[in-house]
Amino acid sequence: RFMKYTVILEKGKQSFAAYVPDIPGCLAVGITEGETLELIKDSIQVHLNKLQRRGFSLPEAKSFSAYVEI
């Protein structure tokens, strides 16, 4: 089944961090944006697999992002 989750990226001084608002504890840190996106994909898969093995339902994707111009 195809799932689509919002990923938030934050740029630090020397790295990038990513987290998934709908999956608490799901995060990744990498040197580049591309690396970080690959790592967060892996992290999402690990989290979802753990939930399934433990008999929990997968979290519903409720978060989204938007930009506002000021």
Protein backbone atom coordinates (compact mmCIF):
# COMPACT_ATOMS: atom_id res chain seq x y z
CA ARG A 1 0.00 0.00 0.00
CA PHE A 2 1.33 3.43 -0.93
CA MET A 3 1.70 5.93 1.91
CA LYS A 4 2.73 9.58 1.57
CA TYR A 5 4.00 11.46 4.65
CA THR A 6 5.05 15.07 5.08
CA VAL A 7 8.77 15.40 5.84
CA ILE A 8 10.13 18.59 7.41
CA LEU A 9 13.73 19.48 6.54
CA GLU A 10 15.85 21.88 8.54
CA LYS A 11 19.23 23.15 7.40
CA GLY A 12 21.92 23.45 10.05
CA LYS A 13 25.41 24.91 9.80
CA GLN A 14 26.96 21.69 8.51
CA SER A 15 24.09 19.24 8.07
CA PHE A 16 20.42 18.73 7.41
CA ALA A 17 17.82 17.24 9.74
CA ALA A 18 14.47 15.74 8.81
CA TYR A 19 11.47 14.59 10.79
CA VAL A 20 7.98 13.28 10.12
CA PRO A 21 5.25 15.04 12.16
CA ASP A 22 2.85 12.10 11.80
CA ILE A 23 5.38 9.52 13.05
CA PRO A 24 6.74 10.56 16.46
CA GLY A 25 10.43 9.76 16.87
CA CYS A 26 11.05 9.37 13.15
CA LEU A 27 14.04 11.50 12.24
CA ALA A 28 17.27 11.56 10.27
CA VAL A 29 20.37 13.70 9.95
CA GLY A 30 22.68 13.87 6.93
CA ILE A 31 25.38 15.99 5.37
CA THR A 32 23.39 16.85 2.23
CA GLU A 33 19.70 17.33 1.57
CA GLY A 34 19.65 14.32 -0.74
CA GLU A 35 21.36 12.07 1.80
CA THR A 36 18.96 13.23 4.50
CA LEU A 37 15.93 12.46 2.34
CA GLU A 38 17.24 8.95 1.68
CA LEU A 39 17.89 8.44 5.39
CA ILE A 40 14.41 9.64 6.39
CA LYS A 41 12.86 7.21 3.88
CA ASP A 42 14.74 4.40 5.61
CA SER A 43 13.70 5.70 9.02
CA ILE A 44 10.04 5.84 7.99
CA GLN A 45 10.19 2.26 6.72
CA VAL A 46 11.82 1.04 9.95
CA HIS A 47 9.21 2.81 12.10
CA LEU A 48 6.30 1.49 10.05
CA ASN A 49 7.68 -2.07 10.07
CA LYS A 50 8.05 -1.96 13.87
CA LEU A 51 4.48 -0.74 14.26
CA GLN A 52 3.16 -3.52 12.02
CA ARG A 53 5.17 -6.24 13.80
CA ARG A 54 3.75 -5.07 17.12
CA GLY A 55 0.20 -5.15 15.80
CA PHE A 56 -0.38 -1.40 15.67
CA SER A 57 -2.11 0.32 12.79
CA LEU A 58 -0.04 2.62 10.62
CA PRO A 59 -0.33 6.33 11.43
CA GLU A 60 -2.60 8.31 9.19
CA ALA A 61 -0.88 11.02 7.18
CA LYS A 62 -2.55 14.21 8.43
CA SER A 63 0.22 16.81 8.29
CA PHE A 64 0.93 19.05 5.34
CA SER A 65 3.02 22.11 4.70
CA ALA A 66 2.30 25.51 3.26
CA TYR A 67 4.22 28.69 2.67
CA VAL A 68 3.01 32.15 3.53
CA GLU A 69 4.47 35.24 1.97
CA ILE A 70 5.10 38.25 4.20
